[in-house]
């Protein structure tokens, strides 16, 4: 499936992501809030965000952006 910009996906559970993981589609690629997360240490103090060219696992859920709504 091809995802549009601003789509948020949840990837399935795996060895690297035992609880699954959320990523957001951007112009640059997939924004990963924990790109360097080390599962062996489970220390979130050093987690950094970054961009990926491809999803690391299969997406099982997606939240698609709607048209912009202007509130008055």
C-alpha atoms as a PDB file:
ATOM      1  CA  UNK A   1       0.000   0.000   0.000  1.00  0.00           C
ATOM      2  CA  UNK A   2       1.185   3.517  -0.745  1.00  0.00           C
ATOM      3  CA  UNK A   3       0.765   5.975   2.130  1.00  0.00           C
ATOM      4  CA  UNK A   4       0.249   9.715   1.719  1.00  0.00           C
ATOM      5  CA  UNK A   5       2.081  12.408   3.652  1.00  0.00           C
ATOM      6  CA  UNK A   6       0.892  12.894   7.277  1.00  0.00           C
ATOM      7  CA  UNK A   7      -0.357   9.319   7.599  1.00  0.00           C
ATOM      8  CA  UNK A   8       0.397   7.684  10.955  1.00  0.00           C
ATOM      9  CA  UNK A   9       0.897   3.913  10.933  1.00  0.00           C
ATOM     10  CA  UNK A  10       1.216   1.273  13.598  1.00  0.00           C
ATOM     11  CA  UNK A  11       3.579  -1.555  12.675  1.00  0.00           C
ATOM     12  CA  UNK A  12       3.060  -5.086  13.838  1.00  0.00           C
ATOM     13  CA  UNK A  13       4.801  -6.652  16.799  1.00  0.00           C
ATOM     14  CA  UNK A  14       8.178  -8.214  16.082  1.00  0.00           C
ATOM     15  CA  UNK A  15      11.438  -9.154  17.760  1.00  0.00           C
ATOM     16  CA  UNK A  16      12.649  -5.550  17.463  1.00  0.00           C
ATOM     17  CA  UNK A  17       9.255  -4.025  18.381  1.00  0.00           C
ATOM     18  CA  UNK A  18       7.610  -6.386  20.909  1.00  0.00           C
ATOM     19  CA  UNK A  19       4.721  -3.950  21.500  1.00  0.00           C
ATOM     20  CA  UNK A  20       4.546  -2.619  17.935  1.00  0.00           C
ATOM     21  CA  UNK A  21       5.538   0.932  17.001  1.00  0.00           C
ATOM     22  CA  UNK A  22       4.108   4.149  15.518  1.00  0.00           C
ATOM     23  CA  UNK A  23       5.685   6.068  12.611  1.00  0.00           C
ATOM     24  CA  UNK A  24       4.514   9.104  10.623  1.00  0.00           C
ATOM     25  CA  UNK A  25       4.869   9.634   6.847  1.00  0.00           C
ATOM     26  CA  UNK A  26       6.569  12.915   5.887  1.00  0.00           C
ATOM     27  CA  UNK A  27       8.072  14.452   2.744  1.00  0.00           C
ATOM     28  CA  UNK A  28      11.479  13.192   3.933  1.00  0.00           C
ATOM     29  CA  UNK A  29      10.358   9.612   4.667  1.00  0.00           C
ATOM     30  CA  UNK A  30       9.067   7.862   7.774  1.00  0.00           C
ATOM     31  CA  UNK A  31       9.588   9.803  11.014  1.00  0.00           C
ATOM     32  CA  UNK A  32      10.549   7.327  13.732  1.00  0.00           C
ATOM     33  CA  UNK A  33      10.364   8.799  17.255  1.00  0.00           C
ATOM     34  CA  UNK A  34      12.713   6.111  18.631  1.00  0.00           C
ATOM     35  CA  UNK A  35      14.995   5.393  15.682  1.00  0.00           C
ATOM     36  CA  UNK A  36      17.942   4.401  17.881  1.00  0.00           C
ATOM     37  CA  UNK A  37      15.993   2.640  20.657  1.00  0.00           C
ATOM     38  CA  UNK A  38      18.036  -0.190  22.135  1.00  0.00           C
ATOM     39  CA  UNK A  39      15.710  -2.992  23.189  1.00  0.00           C
ATOM     40  CA  UNK A  40      18.422  -4.613  25.325  1.00  0.00           C
ATOM     41  CA  UNK A  41      18.732  -1.594  27.650  1.00  0.00           C
ATOM     42  CA  UNK A  42      15.130  -0.300  27.539  1.00  0.00           C
ATOM     43  CA  UNK A  43      16.485   3.155  28.406  1.00  0.00           C
ATOM     44  CA  UNK A  44      14.265   5.844  26.878  1.00  0.00           C
ATOM     45  CA  UNK A  45      16.510   8.663  28.141  1.00  0.00           C
ATOM     46  CA  UNK A  46      18.736   8.254  25.085  1.00  0.00           C
ATOM     47  CA  UNK A  47      16.024   7.600  22.496  1.00  0.00           C
ATOM     48  CA  UNK A  48      16.219   9.940  19.505  1.00  0.00           C
ATOM     49  CA  UNK A  49      13.962  10.567  16.551  1.00  0.00           C
ATOM     50  CA  UNK A  50      15.013  10.287  12.933  1.00  0.00           C
ATOM     51  CA  UNK A  51      13.851   9.410   9.430  1.00  0.00           C
ATOM     52  CA  UNK A  52      13.686   6.088   7.588  1.00  0.00           C
ATOM     53  CA  UNK A  53      13.254   5.533   3.865  1.00  0.00           C
ATOM     54  CA  UNK A  54      11.103   2.422   4.437  1.00  0.00           C
ATOM     55  CA  UNK A  55       8.925   1.026   7.193  1.00  0.00           C
ATOM     56  CA  UNK A  56      10.876  -1.442   9.378  1.00  0.00           C
ATOM     57  CA  UNK A  57       7.910  -3.856   9.589  1.00  0.00           C
ATOM     58  CA  UNK A  58       4.483  -4.342   8.038  1.00  0.00           C
ATOM     59  CA  UNK A  59       1.884  -1.691   8.930  1.00  0.00           C
ATOM     60  CA  UNK A  60      -1.300  -3.168  10.386  1.00  0.00           C
ATOM     61  CA  UNK A  61      -3.186   0.064  11.182  1.00  0.00           C
ATOM     62  CA  UNK A  62      -3.153   3.498   9.559  1.00  0.00           C
ATOM     63  CA  UNK A  63      -4.673   6.872  10.420  1.00  0.00           C
ATOM     64  CA  UNK A  64      -5.115   8.882   7.234  1.00  0.00           C
ATOM     65  CA  UNK A  65      -5.198  12.698   7.197  1.00  0.00           C
ATOM     66  CA  UNK A  66      -8.486  14.402   6.429  1.00  0.00           C
ATOM     67  CA  UNK A  67      -8.971  17.641   4.555  1.00  0.00           C
ATOM     68  CA  UNK A  68      -8.159  20.698   6.622  1.00  0.00           C
ATOM     69  CA  UNK A  69     -11.054  22.076   8.616  1.00  0.00           C
ATOM     70  CA  UNK A  70     -11.242  25.769   9.472  1.00  0.00           C
ATOM     71  CA  UNK A  71     -12.973  26.677  12.724  1.00  0.00           C
ATOM     72  CA  UNK A  72     -14.418  30.169  13.159  1.00  0.00           C
END
